[in-house]
C-alpha atoms as a PDB file:
ATOM      1  CA  PRO A   1     -42.042  32.621  -4.301  1.00  0.00           C
ATOM      2  CA  ALA A   2     -43.910  29.564  -5.525  1.00  0.00           C
ATOM      3  CA  GLY A   3     -41.491  29.126  -8.407  1.00  0.00           C
ATOM      4  CA  ALA A   4     -38.473  28.998  -6.103  1.00  0.00           C
ATOM      5  CA  VAL A   5     -40.189  26.427  -3.845  1.00  0.00           C
ATOM      6  CA  LEU A   6     -40.962  24.192  -6.834  1.00  0.00           C
ATOM      7  CA  ALA A   7     -37.371  24.492  -8.073  1.00  0.00           C
ATOM      8  CA  ASP A   8     -36.019  23.502  -4.646  1.00  0.00           C
ATOM      9  CA  ARG A   9     -38.303  20.465  -4.504  1.00  0.00           C
ATOM     10  CA  ALA A  10     -37.314  19.386  -7.999  1.00  0.00           C
ATOM     11  CA  ARG A  11     -33.620  19.735  -7.136  1.00  0.00           C
ATOM     12  CA  ARG A  12     -34.042  17.610  -4.015  1.00  0.00           C
ATOM     13  CA  ARG A  13     -35.818  14.871  -5.967  1.00  0.00           C
ATOM     14  CA  CYS A  14     -33.099  14.853  -8.618  1.00  0.00           C
ATOM     15  CA  ASP A  15     -30.304  14.795  -6.038  1.00  0.00           C
ATOM     16  CA  LYS A  16     -32.029  12.019  -4.096  1.00  0.00           C
ATOM     17  CA  LYS A  17     -32.079   9.831  -7.202  1.00  0.00           C
ATOM     18  CA  LYS A  18     -28.327  10.318  -7.521  1.00  0.00           C
ATOM     19  CA  GLY A  19     -27.701   9.385  -3.897  1.00  0.00           C
ATOM     20  CA  LEU A  20     -27.007  13.031  -3.064  1.00  0.00           C
ATOM     21  CA  THR A  21     -28.393  14.818  -0.017  1.00  0.00           C
ATOM     22  CA  ILE A  22     -28.143  18.638   0.083  1.00  0.00           C
ATOM     23  CA  PRO A  23     -30.438  20.089   2.752  1.00  0.00           C
ATOM     24  CA  LEU A  24     -31.233  23.788   2.407  1.00  0.00           C
ATOM     25  CA  TRP A  25     -31.523  26.219   5.305  1.00  0.00           C
ATOM     26  CA  GLN A  26     -33.633  29.384   5.081  1.00  0.00           C
ATOM     27  CA  GLY A  27     -33.694  29.256   1.310  1.00  0.00           C
ATOM     28  CA  ARG A  28     -29.889  29.346   1.035  1.00  0.00           C
ATOM     29  CA  SER A  29     -27.965  27.023  -1.290  1.00  0.00           C
ATOM     30  CA  ASP A  30     -25.156  26.402   1.206  1.00  0.00           C
ATOM     31  CA  VAL A  31     -24.084  22.804   1.346  1.00  0.00           C
ATOM     32  CA  LEU A  32     -24.466  21.790   4.989  1.00  0.00           C
ATOM     33  CA  GLU A  33     -24.200  18.035   4.656  1.00  0.00           C
ATOM     34  CA  VAL A  34     -23.027  15.885   1.773  1.00  0.00           C
ATOM     35  CA  SER A  35     -23.497  12.143   1.399  1.00  0.00           C
ATOM     36  CA  LEU A  36     -21.978  10.605  -1.713  1.00  0.00           C
ATOM     37  CA  LEU A  37     -23.035   7.201  -3.012  1.00  0.00           C
ATOM     38  CA  ASN A  38     -21.558   6.692  -6.498  1.00  0.00           C
ATOM     39  CA  THR A  39     -22.602  10.184  -7.620  1.00  0.00           C
ATOM     40  CA  CYS A  40     -21.977  11.599 -11.061  1.00  0.00           C
ATOM     41  CA  PRO A  41     -22.429  15.031 -12.671  1.00  0.00           C
ATOM     42  CA  CYS A  42     -26.074  15.903 -13.143  1.00  0.00           C
ATOM     43  CA  GLY A  43     -25.691  16.377 -16.857  1.00  0.00           C
ATOM     44  CA  GLY A  44     -27.173  19.880 -17.071  1.00  0.00           C
ATOM     45  CA  ALA A  45     -30.700  19.493 -15.689  1.00  0.00           C
ATOM     46  CA  GLU A  46     -33.095  22.207 -16.808  1.00  0.00           C
ATOM     47  CA  ILE A  47     -34.404  23.265 -13.369  1.00  0.00           C
ATOM     48  CA  HIS A  48     -31.187  23.430 -11.393  1.00  0.00           C
ATOM     49  CA  GLU A  49     -27.454  23.675 -11.912  1.00  0.00           C
ATOM     50  CA  CYS A  50     -24.883  20.990 -11.202  1.00  0.00           C
ATOM     51  CA  HIS A  51     -23.450  21.026  -7.670  1.00  0.00           C
ATOM     52  CA  CYS A  52     -20.317  19.013  -8.414  1.00  0.00           C
ATOM     53  CA  ASP A  53     -18.032  21.984  -7.810  1.00  0.00           C
ATOM     54  CA  ALA A  54     -19.518  22.530  -4.377  1.00  0.00           C
ATOM     55  CA  LEU A  55     -19.126  18.867  -3.542  1.00  0.00           C
ATOM     56  CA  GLY A  56     -15.497  18.774  -4.664  1.00  0.00           C
ATOM     57  CA  SER A  57     -14.416  20.940  -1.751  1.00  0.00           C
ATOM     58  CA  GLN A  58     -16.248  18.727   0.763  1.00  0.00           C
ATOM     59  CA  GLY A  59     -14.532  15.399  -0.141  1.00  0.00           C
ATOM     60  CA  SER A  60     -13.976  12.746   2.487  1.00  0.00           C
ATOM     61  CA  LEU A  61     -10.553  12.404   4.089  1.00  0.00           C
ATOM     62  CA  ARG A  62     -10.983   8.683   4.723  1.00  0.00           C
ATOM     63  CA  PRO A  63      -8.596   6.362   2.834  1.00  0.00           C
ATOM     64  CA  SER A  64     -10.059   3.457   0.908  1.00  0.00           C
ATOM     65  CA  CYS A  65      -9.955  -0.073   2.302  1.00  0.00           C
ATOM     66  CA  THR A  66      -7.539  -0.947  -0.495  1.00  0.00           C
ATOM     67  CA  VAL A  67      -5.057   1.626   0.778  1.00  0.00           C
ATOM     68  CA  VAL A  68      -5.267   0.216   4.304  1.00  0.00           C
ATOM     69  CA  LEU A  69      -4.590  -3.304   2.994  1.00  0.00           C
ATOM     70  CA  LEU A  70      -1.683  -1.934   0.972  1.00  0.00           C
ATOM     71  CA  GLY A  71      -0.351  -0.341   4.159  1.00  0.00           C
ATOM     72  CA  LEU A  72      -0.563  -3.707   5.930  1.00  0.00           C
ATOM     73  CA  TRP A  73       1.417  -5.288   3.100  1.00  0.00           C
ATOM     74  CA  ARG A  74       4.062  -2.586   3.384  1.00  0.00           C
ATOM     75  CA  ALA A  75       4.155  -3.118   7.156  1.00  0.00           C
ATOM     76  CA  LEU A  76       4.795  -6.847   6.760  1.00  0.00           C
ATOM     77  CA  VAL A  77       7.380  -6.612   3.990  1.00  0.00           C
ATOM     78  CA  LEU A  78       9.105  -3.328   4.747  1.00  0.00           C
ATOM     79  CA  GLY A  79       8.459  -2.840   8.467  1.00  0.00           C
ATOM     80  CA  LEU A  80       9.479  -6.392   9.327  1.00  0.00           C
ATOM     81  CA  GLY A  81      12.271  -6.284   6.766  1.00  0.00           C
ATOM     82  CA  HIS A  82      13.830  -3.098   8.130  1.00  0.00           C
ATOM     83  CA  ALA A  83      13.521  -4.423  11.670  1.00  0.00           C
ATOM     84  CA  PHE A  84      15.399  -7.596  10.758  1.00  0.00           C
ATOM     85  CA  GLN A  85      17.921  -5.729   8.601  1.00  0.00           C
ATOM     86  CA  SER A  86      19.490  -4.310  11.757  1.00  0.00           C
ATOM     87  CA  VAL A  87      20.479  -7.805  12.953  1.00  0.00           C
ATOM     88  CA  LEU A  88      21.058  -9.441   9.569  1.00  0.00           C
ATOM     89  CA  ASN A  89      24.842  -9.126   9.729  1.00  0.00           C
ATOM     90  CA  GLY A  90      24.872 -10.858  13.121  1.00  0.00           C
ATOM     91  CA  CYS A  91      22.591 -13.562  11.708  1.00  0.00           C
ATOM     92  CA  LEU A  92      25.084 -14.294   8.937  1.00  0.00           C
ATOM     93  CA  VAL A  93      27.888 -14.423  11.482  1.00  0.00           C
ATOM     94  CA  SER A  94      25.888 -17.040  13.382  1.00  0.00           C
ATOM     95  CA  PHE A  95      26.001 -19.185  10.211  1.00  0.00           C
ATOM     96  CA  GLY A  96      29.770 -19.354  10.523  1.00  0.00           C
ATOM     97  CA  LEU A  97      30.819 -16.371   8.416  1.00  0.00           C
ATOM     98  CA  THR A  98      33.311 -13.820   9.629  1.00  0.00           C
ATOM     99  CA  PRO A  99      31.985 -10.282  10.183  1.00  0.00           C
ATOM    100  CA  GLU A 100      33.980  -9.098   7.159  1.00  0.00           C
ATOM    101  CA  ALA A 101      32.611 -11.852   4.908  1.00  0.00           C
ATOM    102  CA  ALA A 102      29.057 -11.239   6.112  1.00  0.00           C
ATOM    103  CA  GLY A 103      29.359  -7.509   5.425  1.00  0.00           C
ATOM    104  CA  ALA A 104      30.841  -8.154   1.968  1.00  0.00           C
ATOM    105  CA  ARG A 105      27.985 -10.471   1.013  1.00  0.00           C
ATOM    106  CA  LEU A 106      25.361  -8.009   2.177  1.00  0.00           C
ATOM    107  CA  ALA A 107      27.040  -5.151   0.306  1.00  0.00           C
ATOM    108  CA  ALA A 108      27.275  -7.213  -2.891  1.00  0.00           C
ATOM    109  CA  SER A 109      23.594  -8.204  -2.726  1.00  0.00           C
ATOM    110  CA  GLN A 110      22.518  -4.588  -2.147  1.00  0.00           C
ATOM    111  CA  ALA A 111      24.637  -3.375  -5.074  1.00  0.00           C
ATOM    112  CA  LEU A 112      23.193  -5.992  -7.431  1.00  0.00           C
ATOM    113  CA  ALA A 113      19.657  -5.115  -6.316  1.00  0.00           C
ATOM    114  CA  LEU A 114      20.255  -1.439  -7.095  1.00  0.00           C
ATOM    115  CA  VAL A 115      21.624  -2.349 -10.531  1.00  0.00           C
ATOM    116  CA  ALA A 116      18.527  -4.460 -11.227  1.00  0.00           C
ATOM    117  CA  LEU A 117      16.093  -1.735 -10.127  1.00  0.00           C
ATOM    118  CA  PRO A 118      15.694  -0.094 -13.600  1.00  0.00           C
ATOM    119  CA  PHE A 119      14.844  -3.491 -15.090  1.00  0.00           C
ATOM    120  CA  VAL A 120      12.290  -4.012 -12.329  1.00  0.00           C
ATOM    121  CA  GLY A 121      10.716  -0.684 -13.293  1.00  0.00           C
ATOM    122  CA  LEU A 122      10.544  -1.833 -16.912  1.00  0.00           C
ATOM    123  CA  ALA A 123       8.829  -5.034 -15.757  1.00  0.00           C
ATOM    124  CA  ALA A 124       6.306  -2.955 -13.805  1.00  0.00           C
ATOM    125  CA  ASP A 125       5.484  -0.913 -16.923  1.00  0.00           C
ATOM    126  CA  THR A 126       5.165  -4.092 -18.991  1.00  0.00           C
ATOM    127  CA  PHE A 127       3.263  -6.442 -16.692  1.00  0.00           C
ATOM    128  CA  GLY A 128       1.655  -4.004 -14.245  1.00  0.00           C
ATOM    129  CA  GLN A 129       2.430  -2.896 -10.721  1.00  0.00           C
ATOM    130  CA  ARG A 130      -0.094  -5.282  -9.174  1.00  0.00           C
ATOM    131  CA  ARG A 131       1.725  -8.321 -10.520  1.00  0.00           C
ATOM    132  CA  LEU A 132       5.020  -6.838  -9.414  1.00  0.00           C
ATOM    133  CA  LEU A 133       3.572  -6.624  -5.885  1.00  0.00           C
ATOM    134  CA  VAL A 134       3.122 -10.411  -5.865  1.00  0.00           C
ATOM    135  CA  ALA A 135       6.590 -10.941  -7.353  1.00  0.00           C
ATOM    136  CA  THR A 136       8.134  -8.699  -4.686  1.00  0.00           C
ATOM    137  CA  SER A 137       6.369 -10.655  -1.942  1.00  0.00           C
ATOM    138  CA  CYS A 138       7.634 -13.938  -3.372  1.00  0.00           C
ATOM    139  CA  SER A 139      11.151 -12.535  -3.606  1.00  0.00           C
ATOM    140  CA  ALA A 140      11.079 -11.441   0.026  1.00  0.00           C
ATOM    141  CA  LEU A 141       9.660 -14.827   1.078  1.00  0.00           C
ATOM    142  CA  LEU A 142      12.381 -16.644  -0.861  1.00  0.00           C
ATOM    143  CA  GLY A 143      15.001 -14.571   0.919  1.00  0.00           C
ATOM    144  CA  GLY A 144      13.383 -15.169   4.306  1.00  0.00           C
ATOM    145  CA  LEU A 145      13.218 -18.930   3.806  1.00  0.00           C
ATOM    146  CA  GLY A 146      16.814 -18.941   2.579  1.00  0.00           C
ATOM    147  CA  LEU A 147      17.895 -17.201   5.767  1.00  0.00           C
ATOM    148  CA  LEU A 148      15.825 -19.626   7.858  1.00  0.00           C
ATOM    149  CA  TRP A 149      17.744 -22.545   6.365  1.00  0.00           C
ATOM    150  CA  GLY A 150      20.901 -20.527   5.781  1.00  0.00           C
ATOM    151  CA  SER A 151      23.144 -22.595   8.042  1.00  0.00           C
ATOM    152  CA  ASP A 152      22.472 -25.680   5.855  1.00  0.00           C
ATOM    153  CA  LEU A 153      22.665 -23.969   2.472  1.00  0.00           C
ATOM    154  CA  PRO A 154      25.786 -23.882   0.297  1.00  0.00           C
ATOM    155  CA  GLY A 155      27.376 -20.509  -0.290  1.00  0.00           C
ATOM    156  CA  PRO A 156      25.896 -19.794  -3.770  1.00  0.00           C
ATOM    157  CA  CYS A 157      22.351 -20.601  -2.565  1.00  0.00           C
ATOM    158  CA  LEU A 158      22.774 -18.292   0.418  1.00  0.00           C
ATOM    159  CA  ASP A 159      23.969 -15.560  -1.929  1.00  0.00           C
ATOM    160  CA  MET A 160      20.868 -15.998  -4.099  1.00  0.00           C
ATOM    161  CA  ALA A 161      18.659 -15.779  -1.005  1.00  0.00           C
ATOM    162  CA  LEU A 162      20.399 -12.566   0.047  1.00  0.00           C
ATOM    163  CA  LEU A 163      19.948 -11.136  -3.450  1.00  0.00           C
ATOM    164  CA  ALA A 164      16.220 -11.957  -3.422  1.00  0.00           C
ATOM    165  CA  TRP A 165      15.911 -10.378   0.015  1.00  0.00           C
ATOM    166  CA  SER A 166      17.791  -7.216  -0.993  1.00  0.00           C
ATOM    167  CA  LEU A 167      15.806  -6.851  -4.217  1.00  0.00           C
ATOM    168  CA  ALA A 168      12.518  -7.016  -2.333  1.00  0.00           C
ATOM    169  CA  GLN A 169      13.704  -4.455   0.221  1.00  0.00           C
ATOM    170  CA  VAL A 170      14.708  -2.061  -2.573  1.00  0.00           C
ATOM    171  CA  VAL A 171      11.526  -2.449  -4.631  1.00  0.00           C
ATOM    172  CA  ALA A 172       8.916  -2.542  -1.831  1.00  0.00           C
ATOM    173  CA  PRO A 173       9.210   1.113  -0.662  1.00  0.00           C
ATOM    174  CA  VAL A 174       8.839   2.553  -4.176  1.00  0.00           C
ATOM    175  CA  LEU A 175       6.182   0.117  -5.338  1.00  0.00           C
ATOM    176  CA  SER A 176       3.867   0.490  -2.356  1.00  0.00           C
ATOM    177  CA  LEU A 177       3.913   4.292  -2.576  1.00  0.00           C
ATOM    178  CA  ALA A 178       3.416   4.239  -6.354  1.00  0.00           C
ATOM    179  CA  LEU A 179       0.200   2.254  -5.877  1.00  0.00           C
ATOM    180  CA  VAL A 180      -1.311   4.754  -3.423  1.00  0.00           C
ATOM    181  CA  PRO A 181      -2.527   7.522  -5.829  1.00  0.00           C
ATOM    182  CA  PRO A 182      -4.623   5.316  -8.156  1.00  0.00           C
ATOM    183  CA  ASN A 183      -6.226   3.572  -5.160  1.00  0.00           C
ATOM    184  CA  ALA A 184      -6.856   6.595  -2.919  1.00  0.00           C
ATOM    185  CA  PRO A 185     -10.235   8.381  -3.011  1.00  0.00           C
ATOM    186  CA  ASN A 186     -10.313  11.838  -4.571  1.00  0.00           C
ATOM    187  CA  SER A 187     -12.383  14.816  -3.546  1.00  0.00           C
ATOM    188  CA  ASP A 188     -15.661  13.519  -5.018  1.00  0.00           C
ATOM    189  CA  GLY A 189     -15.435  10.037  -3.520  1.00  0.00           C
ATOM    190  CA  ARG A 190     -14.106   8.185  -6.559  1.00  0.00           C
ATOM    191  CA  LEU A 191     -10.724   6.449  -6.685  1.00  0.00           C
ATOM    192  CA  GLY A 192      -7.695   8.058  -8.306  1.00  0.00           C
ATOM    193  CA  GLY A 193      -6.695  10.339  -5.454  1.00  0.00           C
ATOM    194  CA  ASN A 194      -6.055  13.978  -6.252  1.00  0.00           C
ATOM    195  CA  GLY A 195      -7.416  15.682  -3.153  1.00  0.00           C
ATOM    196  CA  ALA A 196      -6.896  15.860   0.580  1.00  0.00           C
ATOM    197  CA  ALA A 197      -7.536  12.123   0.963  1.00  0.00           C
ATOM    198  CA  LEU A 198      -4.363  11.411  -1.016  1.00  0.00           C
ATOM    199  CA  GLY A 199      -2.182  12.879   1.727  1.00  0.00           C
ATOM    200  CA  CYS A 200      -4.178  10.974   4.332  1.00  0.00           C
ATOM    201  CA  SER A 201      -3.654   7.742   2.375  1.00  0.00           C
ATOM    202  CA  PHE A 202       0.099   8.288   2.164  1.00  0.00           C
ATOM    203  CA  GLY A 203       0.144   8.964   5.900  1.00  0.00           C
ATOM    204  CA  ILE A 204      -1.773   5.762   6.681  1.00  0.00           C
ATOM    205  CA  VAL A 205       0.583   3.628   4.583  1.00  0.00           C
ATOM    206  CA  GLU A 206       3.738   5.166   6.056  1.00  0.00           C
ATOM    207  CA  SER A 207       2.439   5.136   9.627  1.00  0.00           C
ATOM    208  CA  LEU A 208       1.573   1.437   9.472  1.00  0.00           C
ATOM    209  CA  SER A 209       5.052   0.653   8.184  1.00  0.00           C
ATOM    210  CA  SER A 210       6.806   2.709  10.869  1.00  0.00           C
ATOM    211  CA  LEU A 211       4.650   1.280  13.645  1.00  0.00           C
ATOM    212  CA  ALA A 212       5.316  -2.253  12.425  1.00  0.00           C
ATOM    213  CA  GLN A 213       9.056  -1.597  12.279  1.00  0.00           C
ATOM    214  CA  VAL A 214       9.202  -0.431  15.899  1.00  0.00           C
ATOM    215  CA  SER A 215       7.009  -3.307  17.093  1.00  0.00           C
ATOM    216  CA  PHE A 216       8.964  -5.957  15.189  1.00  0.00           C
ATOM    217  CA  MET A 217      12.291  -4.627  16.447  1.00  0.00           C
ATOM    218  CA  LEU A 218      11.112  -5.093  20.030  1.00  0.00           C
ATOM    219  CA  LEU A 219       9.706  -8.531  19.223  1.00  0.00           C
ATOM    220  CA  ILE A 220      12.855  -9.670  17.422  1.00  0.00           C
ATOM    221  CA  GLY A 221      14.942  -8.640  20.416  1.00  0.00           C
ATOM    222  CA  ALA A 222      12.708 -10.638  22.754  1.00  0.00           C
ATOM    223  CA  LEU A 223      12.783 -13.688  20.465  1.00  0.00           C
ATOM    224  CA  ARG A 224      16.564 -13.570  20.167  1.00  0.00           C
ATOM    225  CA  GLU A 225      16.776 -13.462  23.947  1.00  0.00           C
ATOM    226  CA  ALA A 226      14.479 -16.488  24.217  1.00  0.00           C
ATOM    227  CA  GLY A 227      15.732 -18.731  21.408  1.00  0.00           C
ATOM    228  CA  GLY A 228      18.424 -17.032  19.371  1.00  0.00           C
ATOM    229  CA  PHE A 229      18.210 -16.155  15.689  1.00  0.00           C
ATOM    230  CA  HIS A 230      16.119 -19.233  14.905  1.00  0.00           C
ATOM    231  CA  TYR A 231      13.031 -17.828  16.633  1.00  0.00           C
ATOM    232  CA  ALA A 232      13.544 -14.447  14.960  1.00  0.00           C
ATOM    233  CA  LEU A 233      13.844 -16.133  11.553  1.00  0.00           C
ATOM    234  CA  LEU A 234      10.617 -18.052  12.182  1.00  0.00           C
ATOM    235  CA  LEU A 235       8.892 -14.713  12.825  1.00  0.00           C
ATOM    236  CA  LEU A 236      10.386 -13.325   9.607  1.00  0.00           C
ATOM    237  CA  ALA A 237       9.260 -16.296   7.514  1.00  0.00           C
ATOM    238  CA  GLY A 238       5.770 -16.263   9.011  1.00  0.00           C
ATOM    239  CA  GLY A 239       5.307 -12.548   8.376  1.00  0.00           C
ATOM    240  CA  LEU A 240       6.452 -12.887   4.771  1.00  0.00           C
ATOM    241  CA  VAL A 241       4.057 -15.798   4.183  1.00  0.00           C
ATOM    242  CA  LEU A 242       1.216 -13.525   5.330  1.00  0.00           C
ATOM    243  CA  ALA A 243       2.498 -10.718   3.086  1.00  0.00           C
ATOM    244  CA  THR A 244       2.575 -13.046   0.073  1.00  0.00           C
ATOM    245  CA  ALA A 245      -0.976 -14.227   0.734  1.00  0.00           C
ATOM    246  CA  LEU A 246      -2.113 -10.610   1.135  1.00  0.00           C
ATOM    247  CA  SER A 247      -0.501  -9.593  -2.173  1.00  0.00           C
ATOM    248  CA  VAL A 248      -2.347 -12.406  -3.963  1.00  0.00           C
ATOM    249  CA  GLY A 249      -5.595 -11.203  -2.419  1.00  0.00           C
ATOM    250  CA  LEU A 250      -4.866  -7.631  -3.510  1.00  0.00           C
ATOM    251  CA  LEU A 251      -4.165  -8.646  -7.112  1.00  0.00           C
ATOM    252  CA  PRO A 252      -7.789  -8.348  -8.350  1.00  0.00           C
ATOM    253  CA  ILE A 253      -8.496  -5.314  -6.152  1.00  0.00           C
ATOM    254  CA  LEU A 254      -5.631  -2.889  -6.789  1.00  0.00           C
ATOM    255  CA  ARG A 255      -5.611  -0.477  -9.719  1.00  0.00           C
ATOM    256  CA  ASP A 256      -2.443   0.249 -11.686  1.00  0.00           C
ATOM    257  CA  SER A 257      -3.708   3.684 -12.722  1.00  0.00           C
ATOM    258  CA  ALA A 258      -6.601   6.019 -12.015  1.00  0.00           C
ATOM    259  CA  ASP A 259      -8.367   5.037 -15.254  1.00  0.00           C
ATOM    260  CA  ASP A 260      -7.694   1.299 -14.974  1.00  0.00           C
ATOM    261  CA  PRO A 261     -10.954  -0.495 -15.916  1.00  0.00           C
ATOM    262  CA  THR A 262      -9.625  -4.038 -15.406  1.00  0.00           C
ATOM    263  CA  SER A 263      -9.710  -4.189 -11.596  1.00  0.00           C
ATOM    264  CA  ARG A 264     -12.394  -3.624  -9.024  1.00  0.00           C
ATOM    265  CA  THR A 265     -12.042  -1.660  -5.824  1.00  0.00           C
ATOM    266  CA  VAL A 266     -13.172  -1.819  -2.226  1.00  0.00           C
END
């Protein structure tokens, strides 16, 4: 009927203005292809009904660029950190400590980091998770540099470096995952993940970390074979410098919550 044809044309014009493409096939209203470009609900147009419900089930599974960058940060801090953690006791022994003393120092630093974790959570609630990301990177870098110069440091300074290292390794896993939901796309293309893309974003972040851990373990072994712990510590310090720079770059991009209006996204 002529009325139905006019209604279809009006709906297409309205959807085109919103950056929404919904081609029809044989007069059916099935959604065959959806392209979202900053769409919003139609606001109850008179000629046609809102199609937001139909679009919600067709959301993209692609993670946002912010989530990928967050995964790279986690790979540098946590993947590299876990890879080096397996040889950290031997590194301390190479500084002149006995295996028992090295193990005791590592255990004490881990225990203190766990005790400090609730206070770190309070700091995240007070100052924001994005700022805590930078602080965690700086803490890991401080620990890495302390280990690089560990053979020349007095005992108390080495203990502080180990504490900074342990604190970063305890905070980084929780913090990076906590930042995924507000920065993952949801079913309608906006950030604040609550759809299938949220699981994809978690998978991207975790996969990058695991892949980095395996790769760095192989690389650390090769560097130790070539030049001892010094070469491995240079790799650790270099990776943590990159992680710190990345966290500073992410500071204006990340969102602390789904309704955070103070930061932009990519």
